[in-house]
Amino acid sequence: MPPPLGASKVPGTANQQPLSVPRGRLKLVIQLPVGSEAASYEVQIRKQDESAIVSGKAQARIEAGITKLLIEIDTRSIQAGDYQIAWRLDDFDWRFYPIQLR
């Protein structure tokens, strides 16, 4: 999913190792960056610089000072490989994290 180190076009992904995620019907808990709001977020799985393959809405909650985004997502129709999981609050910019579906 992310290009070789130093070649990333997406800020913040160049030095991040992809998180290994199984294909299937998933219930994910994503820990958001410090200061993220408890609200409804848009979530997508996509290839870098491409449109969403899977998308949905999820509700984030703050538990013990940590903002957690809870989402149910079905990745069975996506081929194994490198992708990004993206999220955003309302009309804010997308945040990205590399994942590897297996």
PDB file of N, CA and C in Angstrom:
ATOM      1  N   MET A   1       0.811  -1.199   0.000  1.00  0.00           N
ATOM      2  CA  MET A   1       0.000   0.000   0.000  1.00  0.00           C
ATOM      3  C   MET A   1       0.841   1.243   0.000  1.00  0.00           C
ATOM      4  N   PRO A   2       1.635   1.540   1.077  1.00  0.00           N
ATOM      5  CA  PRO A   2       2.414   2.752   0.928  1.00  0.00           C
ATOM      6  C   PRO A   2       3.560   2.507  -0.032  1.00  0.00           C
ATOM      7  N   PRO A   3       3.973   3.537  -0.754  1.00  0.00           N
ATOM      8  CA  PRO A   3       5.119   3.411  -1.636  1.00  0.00           C
ATOM      9  C   PRO A   3       6.383   3.252  -0.807  1.00  0.00           C
ATOM     10  N   PRO A   4       7.520   3.029  -1.447  1.00  0.00           N
ATOM     11  CA  PRO A   4       8.764   2.905  -0.691  1.00  0.00           C
ATOM     12  C   PRO A   4       8.976   4.122   0.217  1.00  0.00           C
ATOM     13  N   LEU A   5       9.688   3.916   1.299  1.00  0.00           N
ATOM     14  CA  LEU A   5       9.930   5.003   2.249  1.00  0.00           C
ATOM     15  C   LEU A   5      10.455   6.237   1.544  1.00  0.00           C
ATOM     16  N   GLY A   6       9.915   7.382   1.908  1.00  0.00           N
ATOM     17  CA  GLY A   6      10.342   8.644   1.332  1.00  0.00           C
ATOM     18  C   GLY A   6       9.611   9.004   0.047  1.00  0.00           C
ATOM     19  N   ALA A   7       8.804   8.089  -0.500  1.00  0.00           N
ATOM     20  CA  ALA A   7       8.118   8.370  -1.756  1.00  0.00           C
ATOM     21  C   ALA A   7       6.624   8.582  -1.563  1.00  0.00           C
ATOM     22  N   SER A   8       6.172   8.609  -0.325  1.00  0.00           N
ATOM     23  CA  SER A   8       4.750   8.732  -0.043  1.00  0.00           C
ATOM     24  C   SER A   8       4.205  10.093  -0.432  1.00  0.00           C
ATOM     25  N   LYS A   9       3.033  10.101  -1.072  1.00  0.00           N
ATOM     26  CA  LYS A   9       2.342  11.350  -1.394  1.00  0.00           C
ATOM     27  C   LYS A   9       1.365  11.722  -0.293  1.00  0.00           C
ATOM     28  N   VAL A  10       1.112  10.802   0.624  1.00  0.00           N
ATOM     29  CA  VAL A  10       0.154  11.028   1.699  1.00  0.00           C
ATOM     30  C   VAL A  10       0.930  11.347   2.969  1.00  0.00           C
ATOM     31  N   PRO A  11       0.739  12.543   3.520  1.00  0.00           N
ATOM     32  CA  PRO A  11       1.488  12.923   4.713  1.00  0.00           C
ATOM     33  C   PRO A  11       1.296  11.918   5.839  1.00  0.00           C
ATOM     34  N   GLY A  12       2.379  11.571   6.506  1.00  0.00           N
ATOM     35  CA  GLY A  12       2.285  10.725   7.680  1.00  0.00           C
ATOM     36  C   GLY A  12       2.341   9.242   7.415  1.00  0.00           C
ATOM     37  N   THR A  13       2.359   8.776   6.164  1.00  0.00           N
ATOM     38  CA  THR A  13       2.366   7.340   5.927  1.00  0.00           C
ATOM     39  C   THR A  13       3.743   6.804   5.569  1.00  0.00           C
ATOM     40  N   ALA A  14       4.707   7.654   5.281  1.00  0.00           N
ATOM     41  CA  ALA A  14       6.007   7.194   4.790  1.00  0.00           C
ATOM     42  C   ALA A  14       6.720   6.283   5.778  1.00  0.00           C
ATOM     43  N   ASN A  15       6.636   6.559   7.070  1.00  0.00           N
ATOM     44  CA  ASN A  15       7.365   5.767   8.060  1.00  0.00           C
ATOM     45  C   ASN A  15       6.483   4.811   8.836  1.00  0.00           C
ATOM     46  N   GLN A  16       5.239   4.657   8.452  1.00  0.00           N
ATOM     47  CA  GLN A  16       4.332   3.777   9.173  1.00  0.00           C
ATOM     48  C   GLN A  16       4.315   2.392   8.527  1.00  0.00           C
ATOM     49  N   GLN A  17       4.502   1.381   9.339  1.00  0.00           N
ATOM     50  CA  GLN A  17       4.398   0.011   8.859  1.00  0.00           C
ATOM     51  C   GLN A  17       2.921  -0.347   8.751  1.00  0.00           C
ATOM     52  N   PRO A  18       2.521  -1.052   7.669  1.00  0.00           N
ATOM     53  CA  PRO A  18       1.100  -1.401   7.534  1.00  0.00           C
ATOM     54  C   PRO A  18       0.649  -2.359   8.627  1.00  0.00           C
ATOM     55  N   LEU A  19      -0.560  -2.163   9.051  1.00  0.00           N
ATOM     56  CA  LEU A  19      -1.192  -3.033  10.020  1.00  0.00           C
ATOM     57  C   LEU A  19      -1.807  -4.199   9.266  1.00  0.00           C
ATOM     58  N   SER A  20      -1.548  -5.418   9.680  1.00  0.00           N
ATOM     59  CA  SER A  20      -2.094  -6.604   9.023  1.00  0.00           C
ATOM     60  C   SER A  20      -3.542  -6.808   9.472  1.00  0.00           C
ATOM     61  N   VAL A  21      -4.449  -6.884   8.506  1.00  0.00           N
ATOM     62  CA  VAL A  21      -5.886  -7.003   8.784  1.00  0.00           C
ATOM     63  C   VAL A  21      -6.431  -8.191   7.997  1.00  0.00           C
ATOM     64  N   PRO A  22      -7.181  -9.099   8.641  1.00  0.00           N
ATOM     65  CA  PRO A  22      -7.740 -10.234   7.906  1.00  0.00           C
ATOM     66  C   PRO A  22      -8.890  -9.797   7.004  1.00  0.00           C
ATOM     67  N   ARG A  23      -9.119 -10.558   5.947  1.00  0.00           N
ATOM     68  CA  ARG A  23     -10.288 -10.319   5.099  1.00  0.00           C
ATOM     69  C   ARG A  23     -11.469 -11.015   5.762  1.00  0.00           C
ATOM     70  N   GLY A  24     -12.645 -10.374   5.697  1.00  0.00           N
ATOM     71  CA  GLY A  24     -13.845 -10.953   6.286  1.00  0.00           C
ATOM     72  C   GLY A  24     -14.772  -9.881   6.806  1.00  0.00           C
ATOM     73  N   ARG A  25     -15.759 -10.316   7.554  1.00  0.00           N
ATOM     74  CA  ARG A  25     -16.649  -9.374   8.253  1.00  0.00           C
ATOM     75  C   ARG A  25     -15.964  -9.001   9.542  1.00  0.00           C
ATOM     76  N   LEU A  26     -15.609  -7.730   9.648  1.00  0.00           N
ATOM     77  CA  LEU A  26     -14.785  -7.287  10.762  1.00  0.00           C
ATOM     78  C   LEU A  26     -15.507  -6.289  11.653  1.00  0.00           C
ATOM     79  N   LYS A  27     -15.168  -6.336  12.928  1.00  0.00           N
ATOM     80  CA  LYS A  27     -15.549  -5.306  13.883  1.00  0.00           C
ATOM     81  C   LYS A  27     -14.234  -4.710  14.341  1.00  0.00           C
ATOM     82  N   LEU A  28     -13.924  -3.519  13.814  1.00  0.00           N
ATOM     83  CA  LEU A  28     -12.656  -2.874  14.109  1.00  0.00           C
ATOM     84  C   LEU A  28     -12.811  -1.786  15.168  1.00  0.00           C
ATOM     85  N   VAL A  29     -11.793  -1.658  15.983  1.00  0.00           N
ATOM     86  CA  VAL A  29     -11.682  -0.550  16.931  1.00  0.00           C
ATOM     87  C   VAL A  29     -10.401   0.177  16.550  1.00  0.00           C
ATOM     88  N   ILE A  30     -10.542   1.400  16.054  1.00  0.00           N
ATOM     89  CA  ILE A  30      -9.407   2.190  15.598  1.00  0.00           C
ATOM     90  C   ILE A  30      -9.141   3.286  16.620  1.00  0.00           C
ATOM     91  N   GLN A  31      -7.934   3.293  17.162  1.00  0.00           N
ATOM     92  CA  GLN A  31      -7.556   4.335  18.115  1.00  0.00           C
ATOM     93  C   GLN A  31      -7.146   5.564  17.327  1.00  0.00           C
ATOM     94  N   LEU A  32      -7.888   6.647  17.479  1.00  0.00           N
ATOM     95  CA  LEU A  32      -7.641   7.883  16.730  1.00  0.00           C
ATOM     96  C   LEU A  32      -6.574   8.726  17.418  1.00  0.00           C
ATOM     97  N   PRO A  33      -5.988   9.674  16.676  1.00  0.00           N
ATOM     98  CA  PRO A  33      -4.956  10.539  17.260  1.00  0.00           C
ATOM     99  C   PRO A  33      -5.479  11.323  18.469  1.00  0.00           C
ATOM    100  N   VAL A  34      -4.572  11.671  19.347  1.00  0.00           N
ATOM    101  CA  VAL A  34      -4.900  12.451  20.541  1.00  0.00           C
ATOM    102  C   VAL A  34      -5.640  13.718  20.123  1.00  0.00           C
ATOM    103  N   GLY A  35      -6.708  14.032  20.816  1.00  0.00           N
ATOM    104  CA  GLY A  35      -7.475  15.234  20.539  1.00  0.00           C
ATOM    105  C   GLY A  35      -8.628  15.030  19.570  1.00  0.00           C
ATOM    106  N   SER A  36      -8.765  13.808  19.028  1.00  0.00           N
ATOM    107  CA  SER A  36      -9.883  13.537  18.111  1.00  0.00           C
ATOM    108  C   SER A  36     -11.203  13.583  18.863  1.00  0.00           C
ATOM    109  N   GLU A  37     -12.226  14.057  18.199  1.00  0.00           N
ATOM    110  CA  GLU A  37     -13.542  14.222  18.812  1.00  0.00           C
ATOM    111  C   GLU A  37     -14.342  12.924  18.848  1.00  0.00           C
ATOM    112  N   ALA A  38     -15.232  12.820  19.815  1.00  0.00           N
ATOM    113  CA  ALA A  38     -16.219  11.743  19.852  1.00  0.00           C
ATOM    114  C   ALA A  38     -17.358  12.194  18.948  1.00  0.00           C
ATOM    115  N   ALA A  39     -17.473  11.580  17.794  1.00  0.00           N
ATOM    116  CA  ALA A  39     -18.463  11.997  16.795  1.00  0.00           C
ATOM    117  C   ALA A  39     -18.592  10.907  15.741  1.00  0.00           C
ATOM    118  N   SER A  40     -19.409  11.189  14.727  1.00  0.00           N
ATOM    119  CA  SER A  40     -19.573  10.268  13.610  1.00  0.00           C
ATOM    120  C   SER A  40     -18.498  10.560  12.555  1.00  0.00           C
ATOM    121  N   TYR A  41     -17.826   9.517  12.102  1.00  0.00           N
ATOM    122  CA  TYR A  41     -16.748   9.635  11.117  1.00  0.00           C
ATOM    123  C   TYR A  41     -17.087   8.842   9.867  1.00  0.00           C
ATOM    124  N   GLU A  42     -16.567   9.305   8.751  1.00  0.00           N
ATOM    125  CA  GLU A  42     -16.606   8.567   7.503  1.00  0.00           C
ATOM    126  C   GLU A  42     -15.342   7.714   7.461  1.00  0.00           C
ATOM    127  N   VAL A  43     -15.475   6.449   7.021  1.00  0.00           N
ATOM    128  CA  VAL A  43     -14.332   5.542   6.958  1.00  0.00           C
ATOM    129  C   VAL A  43     -14.291   4.905   5.577  1.00  0.00           C
ATOM    130  N   GLN A  44     -13.091   4.754   5.020  1.00  0.00           N
ATOM    131  CA  GLN A  44     -12.921   4.126   3.706  1.00  0.00           C
ATOM    132  C   GLN A  44     -11.707   3.211   3.714  1.00  0.00           C
ATOM    133  N   ILE A  45     -11.770   2.186   2.862  1.00  0.00           N
ATOM    134  CA  ILE A  45     -10.593   1.412   2.520  1.00  0.00           C
ATOM    135  C   ILE A  45     -10.362   1.680   1.052  1.00  0.00           C
ATOM    136  N   ARG A  46      -9.106   2.012   0.707  1.00  0.00           N
ATOM    137  CA  ARG A  46      -8.789   2.386  -0.670  1.00  0.00           C
ATOM    138  C   ARG A  46      -7.330   2.103  -0.969  1.00  0.00           C
ATOM    139  N   LYS A  47      -7.039   2.054  -2.268  1.00  0.00           N
ATOM    140  CA  LYS A  47      -5.656   2.051  -2.728  1.00  0.00           C
ATOM    141  C   LYS A  47      -5.199   3.503  -2.699  1.00  0.00           C
ATOM    142  N   GLN A  48      -3.899   3.735  -2.552  1.00  0.00           N
ATOM    143  CA  GLN A  48      -3.398   5.107  -2.523  1.00  0.00           C
ATOM    144  C   GLN A  48      -3.767   5.826  -3.809  1.00  0.00           C
ATOM    145  N   ASP A  49      -4.242   7.051  -3.676  1.00  0.00           N
ATOM    146  CA  ASP A  49      -4.609   7.919  -4.799  1.00  0.00           C
ATOM    147  C   ASP A  49      -5.764   7.375  -5.631  1.00  0.00           C
ATOM    148  N   GLU A  50      -6.603   6.521  -5.073  1.00  0.00           N
ATOM    149  CA  GLU A  50      -7.774   5.992  -5.777  1.00  0.00           C
ATOM    150  C   GLU A  50      -9.012   6.217  -4.926  1.00  0.00           C
ATOM    151  N   SER A  51     -10.179   5.979  -5.528  1.00  0.00           N
ATOM    152  CA  SER A  51     -11.435   6.158  -4.785  1.00  0.00           C
ATOM    153  C   SER A  51     -11.671   4.967  -3.856  1.00  0.00           C
ATOM    154  N   ALA A  52     -12.646   5.104  -2.988  1.00  0.00           N
ATOM    155  CA  ALA A  52     -12.938   4.090  -1.973  1.00  0.00           C
ATOM    156  C   ALA A  52     -13.385   2.774  -2.595  1.00  0.00           C
ATOM    157  N   ILE A  53     -12.910   1.686  -2.014  1.00  0.00           N
ATOM    158  CA  ILE A  53     -13.360   0.350  -2.389  1.00  0.00           C
ATOM    159  C   ILE A  53     -14.512  -0.045  -1.477  1.00  0.00           C
ATOM    160  N   VAL A  54     -14.365   0.262  -0.195  1.00  0.00           N
ATOM    161  CA  VAL A  54     -15.392   0.017   0.820  1.00  0.00           C
ATOM    162  C   VAL A  54     -15.493   1.285   1.650  1.00  0.00           C
ATOM    163  N   SER A  55     -16.711   1.687   1.992  1.00  0.00           N
ATOM    164  CA  SER A  55     -16.864   2.877   2.832  1.00  0.00           C
ATOM    165  C   SER A  55     -18.025   2.687   3.794  1.00  0.00           C
ATOM    166  N   GLY A  56     -18.033   3.498   4.825  1.00  0.00           N
ATOM    167  CA  GLY A  56     -19.099   3.437   5.808  1.00  0.00           C
ATOM    168  C   GLY A  56     -18.988   4.578   6.792  1.00  0.00           C
ATOM    169  N   LYS A  57     -19.896   4.594   7.737  1.00  0.00           N
ATOM    170  CA  LYS A  57     -19.901   5.590   8.818  1.00  0.00           C
ATOM    171  C   LYS A  57     -19.665   4.851  10.130  1.00  0.00           C
ATOM    172  N   ALA A  58     -19.016   5.526  11.054  1.00  0.00           N
ATOM    173  CA  ALA A  58     -18.729   4.915  12.345  1.00  0.00           C
ATOM    174  C   ALA A  58     -18.772   5.975  13.435  1.00  0.00           C
ATOM    175  N   GLN A  59     -19.055   5.528  14.633  1.00  0.00           N
ATOM    176  CA  GLN A  59     -19.140   6.419  15.779  1.00  0.00           C
ATOM    177  C   GLN A  59     -17.895   6.266  16.647  1.00  0.00           C
ATOM    178  N   ALA A  60     -17.266   7.375  16.971  1.00  0.00           N
ATOM    179  CA  ALA A  60     -16.106   7.361  17.863  1.00  0.00           C
ATOM    180  C   ALA A  60     -16.552   7.736  19.265  1.00  0.00           C
ATOM    181  N   ARG A  61     -15.927   7.081  20.243  1.00  0.00           N
ATOM    182  CA  ARG A  61     -16.204   7.347  21.650  1.00  0.00           C
ATOM    183  C   ARG A  61     -14.887   7.583  22.380  1.00  0.00           C
ATOM    184  N   ILE A  62     -14.958   8.345  23.440  1.00  0.00           N
ATOM    185  CA  ILE A  62     -13.772   8.556  24.264  1.00  0.00           C
ATOM    186  C   ILE A  62     -13.893   7.661  25.488  1.00  0.00           C
ATOM    187  N   GLU A  63     -12.891   6.784  25.648  1.00  0.00           N
ATOM    188  CA  GLU A  63     -12.847   5.860  26.786  1.00  0.00           C
ATOM    189  C   GLU A  63     -11.489   5.998  27.457  1.00  0.00           C
ATOM    190  N   ALA A  64     -11.487   6.357  28.706  1.00  0.00           N
ATOM    191  CA  ALA A  64     -10.252   6.543  29.471  1.00  0.00           C
ATOM    192  C   ALA A  64      -9.293   7.496  28.758  1.00  0.00           C
ATOM    193  N   GLY A  65      -9.842   8.553  28.153  1.00  0.00           N
ATOM    194  CA  GLY A  65      -9.038   9.565  27.496  1.00  0.00           C
ATOM    195  C   GLY A  65      -8.576   9.207  26.089  1.00  0.00           C
ATOM    196  N   ILE A  66      -8.983   8.044  25.580  1.00  0.00           N
ATOM    197  CA  ILE A  66      -8.586   7.593  24.241  1.00  0.00           C
ATOM    198  C   ILE A  66      -9.811   7.580  23.343  1.00  0.00           C
ATOM    199  N   THR A  67      -9.708   8.239  22.172  1.00  0.00           N
ATOM    200  CA  THR A  67     -10.814   8.265  21.224  1.00  0.00           C
ATOM    201  C   THR A  67     -10.739   7.019  20.360  1.00  0.00           C
ATOM    202  N   LYS A  68     -11.795   6.204  20.428  1.00  0.00           N
ATOM    203  CA  LYS A  68     -11.854   4.944  19.699  1.00  0.00           C
ATOM    204  C   LYS A  68     -12.986   4.985  18.692  1.00  0.00           C
ATOM    205  N   LEU A  69     -12.653   4.634  17.464  1.00  0.00           N
ATOM    206  CA  LEU A  69     -13.614   4.591  16.367  1.00  0.00           C
ATOM    207  C   LEU A  69     -14.041   3.140  16.184  1.00  0.00           C
ATOM    208  N   LEU A  70     -15.329   2.877  16.353  1.00  0.00           N
ATOM    209  CA  LEU A  70     -15.860   1.526  16.261  1.00  0.00           C
ATOM    210  C   LEU A  70     -16.581   1.357  14.934  1.00  0.00           C
ATOM    211  N   ILE A  71     -16.148   0.382  14.124  1.00  0.00           N
ATOM    212  CA  ILE A  71     -16.772   0.198  12.820  1.00  0.00           C
ATOM    213  C   ILE A  71     -16.870  -1.279  12.471  1.00  0.00           C
ATOM    214  N   GLU A  72     -17.991  -1.621  11.844  1.00  0.00           N
ATOM    215  CA  GLU A  72     -18.165  -2.941  11.255  1.00  0.00           C
ATOM    216  C   GLU A  72     -17.988  -2.770   9.762  1.00  0.00           C
ATOM    217  N   ILE A  73     -17.102  -3.583   9.175  1.00  0.00           N
ATOM    218  CA  ILE A  73     -16.777  -3.436   7.763  1.00  0.00           C
ATOM    219  C   ILE A  73     -16.553  -4.824   7.157  1.00  0.00           C
ATOM    220  N   ASP A  74     -16.990  -4.997   5.924  1.00  0.00           N
ATOM    221  CA  ASP A  74     -16.862  -6.278   5.236  1.00  0.00           C
ATOM    222  C   ASP A  74     -15.783  -6.161   4.160  1.00  0.00           C
ATOM    223  N   THR A  75     -14.686  -6.881   4.349  1.00  0.00           N
ATOM    224  CA  THR A  75     -13.575  -6.823   3.399  1.00  0.00           C
ATOM    225  C   THR A  75     -13.464  -8.098   2.562  1.00  0.00           C
ATOM    226  N   ARG A  76     -14.475  -8.950   2.593  1.00  0.00           N
ATOM    227  CA  ARG A  76     -14.409 -10.215   1.849  1.00  0.00           C
ATOM    228  C   ARG A  76     -14.282 -10.011   0.348  1.00  0.00           C
ATOM    229  N   SER A  77     -14.834  -8.932  -0.183  1.00  0.00           N
ATOM    230  CA  SER A  77     -14.804  -8.705  -1.631  1.00  0.00           C
ATOM    231  C   SER A  77     -13.511  -8.025  -2.111  1.00  0.00           C
ATOM    232  N   ILE A  78     -12.627  -7.698  -1.188  1.00  0.00           N
ATOM    233  CA  ILE A  78     -11.381  -7.021  -1.541  1.00  0.00           C
ATOM    234  C   ILE A  78     -10.259  -8.055  -1.622  1.00  0.00           C
ATOM    235  N   GLN A  79      -9.490  -7.995  -2.686  1.00  0.00           N
ATOM    236  CA  GLN A  79      -8.347  -8.897  -2.824  1.00  0.00           C
ATOM    237  C   GLN A  79      -7.300  -8.585  -1.766  1.00  0.00           C
ATOM    238  N   ALA A  80      -6.561  -9.622  -1.364  1.00  0.00           N
ATOM    239  CA  ALA A  80      -5.459  -9.417  -0.427  1.00  0.00           C
ATOM    240  C   ALA A  80      -4.458  -8.445  -1.048  1.00  0.00           C
ATOM    241  N   GLY A  81      -3.842  -7.635  -0.220  1.00  0.00           N
ATOM    242  CA  GLY A  81      -2.847  -6.691  -0.724  1.00  0.00           C
ATOM    243  C   GLY A  81      -2.720  -5.473   0.161  1.00  0.00           C
ATOM    244  N   ASP A  82      -2.028  -4.483  -0.365  1.00  0.00           N
ATOM    245  CA  ASP A  82      -1.736  -3.249   0.369  1.00  0.00           C
ATOM    246  C   ASP A  82      -2.789  -2.184   0.071  1.00  0.00           C
ATOM    247  N   TYR A  83      -3.305  -1.561   1.142  1.00  0.00           N
ATOM    248  CA  TYR A  83      -4.352  -0.551   1.045  1.00  0.00           C
ATOM    249  C   TYR A  83      -4.106   0.524   2.093  1.00  0.00           C
ATOM    250  N   GLN A  84      -5.032   1.460   2.157  1.00  0.00           N
ATOM    251  CA  GLN A  84      -5.058   2.461   3.220  1.00  0.00           C
ATOM    252  C   GLN A  84      -6.438   2.429   3.837  1.00  0.00           C
ATOM    253  N   ILE A  85      -6.482   2.631   5.139  1.00  0.00           N
ATOM    254  CA  ILE A  85      -7.759   2.909   5.778  1.00  0.00           C
ATOM    255  C   ILE A  85      -7.760   4.418   6.014  1.00  0.00           C
ATOM    256  N   ALA A  86      -8.851   5.055   5.630  1.00  0.00           N
ATOM    257  CA  ALA A  86      -8.953   6.516   5.718  1.00  0.00           C
ATOM    258  C   ALA A  86     -10.173   6.878   6.556  1.00  0.00           C
ATOM    259  N   TRP A  87     -10.067   7.953   7.305  1.00  0.00           N
ATOM    260  CA  TRP A  87     -11.205   8.421   8.094  1.00  0.00           C
ATOM    261  C   TRP A  87     -11.192   9.940   8.134  1.00  0.00           C
ATOM    262  N   ARG A  88     -12.387  10.482   8.314  1.00  0.00           N
ATOM    263  CA  ARG A  88     -12.494  11.933   8.480  1.00  0.00           C
ATOM    264  C   ARG A  88     -13.776  12.263   9.228  1.00  0.00           C
ATOM    265  N   LEU A  89     -13.732  13.390   9.877  1.00  0.00           N
ATOM    266  CA  LEU A  89     -14.862  13.951  10.610  1.00  0.00           C
ATOM    267  C   LEU A  89     -15.503  15.002   9.722  1.00  0.00           C
ATOM    268  N   ASP A  90     -16.789  14.871   9.459  1.00  0.00           N
ATOM    269  CA  ASP A  90     -17.533  15.824   8.630  1.00  0.00           C
ATOM    270  C   ASP A  90     -16.793  16.136   7.329  1.00  0.00           C
ATOM    271  N   ASP A  91     -16.522  17.409   7.083  1.00  0.00           N
ATOM    272  CA  ASP A  91     -15.862  17.825   5.854  1.00  0.00           C
ATOM    273  C   ASP A  91     -14.379  18.129   6.045  1.00  0.00           C
ATOM    274  N   PHE A  92     -13.778  17.555   7.073  1.00  0.00           N
ATOM    275  CA  PHE A  92     -12.361  17.767   7.318  1.00  0.00           C
ATOM    276  C   PHE A  92     -11.543  16.924   6.341  1.00  0.00           C
ATOM    277  N   ASP A  93     -10.231  17.133   6.329  1.00  0.00           N
ATOM    278  CA  ASP A  93      -9.348  16.350   5.469  1.00  0.00           C
ATOM    279  C   ASP A  93      -9.304  14.894   5.927  1.00  0.00           C
ATOM    280  N   TRP A  94      -9.019  14.011   4.973  1.00  0.00           N
ATOM    281  CA  TRP A  94      -8.864  12.592   5.267  1.00  0.00           C
ATOM    282  C   TRP A  94      -7.566  12.351   6.018  1.00  0.00           C
ATOM    283  N   ARG A  95      -7.595  11.410   6.942  1.00  0.00           N
ATOM    284  CA  ARG A  95      -6.396  10.897   7.626  1.00  0.00           C
ATOM    285  C   ARG A  95      -6.215   9.472   7.116  1.00  0.00           C
ATOM    286  N   PHE A  96      -4.987   9.036   6.927  1.00  0.00           N
ATOM    287  CA  PHE A  96      -4.710   7.733   6.330  1.00  0.00           C
ATOM    288  C   PHE A  96      -3.795   6.893   7.210  1.00  0.00           C
ATOM    289  N   TYR A  97      -3.966   5.577   7.112  1.00  0.00           N
ATOM    290  CA  TYR A  97      -3.048   4.652   7.754  1.00  0.00           C
ATOM    291  C   TYR A  97      -2.917   3.433   6.868  1.00  0.00           C
ATOM    292  N   PRO A  98      -1.694   2.961   6.629  1.00  0.00           N
ATOM    293  CA  PRO A  98      -1.521   1.807   5.748  1.00  0.00           C
ATOM    294  C   PRO A  98      -1.978   0.513   6.406  1.00  0.00           C
ATOM    295  N   ILE A  99      -2.653  -0.322   5.635  1.00  0.00           N
ATOM    296  CA  ILE A  99      -3.048  -1.652   6.095  1.00  0.00           C
ATOM    297  C   ILE A  99      -2.698  -2.669   5.014  1.00  0.00           C
ATOM    298  N   GLN A 100      -2.552  -3.902   5.443  1.00  0.00           N
ATOM    299  CA  GLN A 100      -2.333  -4.988   4.501  1.00  0.00           C
ATOM    300  C   GLN A 100      -3.410  -6.021   4.763  1.00  0.00           C
ATOM    301  N   LEU A 101      -4.308  -6.186   3.757  1.00  0.00           N
ATOM    302  CA  LEU A 101      -5.333  -7.208   3.893  1.00  0.00           C
ATOM    303  C   LEU A 101      -4.716  -8.548   3.554  1.00  0.00           C
ATOM    304  N   ARG A 102      -5.007  -9.539   4.374  1.00  0.00           N
ATOM    305  CA  ARG A 102      -4.469 -10.876   4.121  1.00  0.00           C
ATOM    306  C   ARG A 102      -5.570 -11.895   4.036  1.00  0.00           C
TER     307      ARG A 102
END
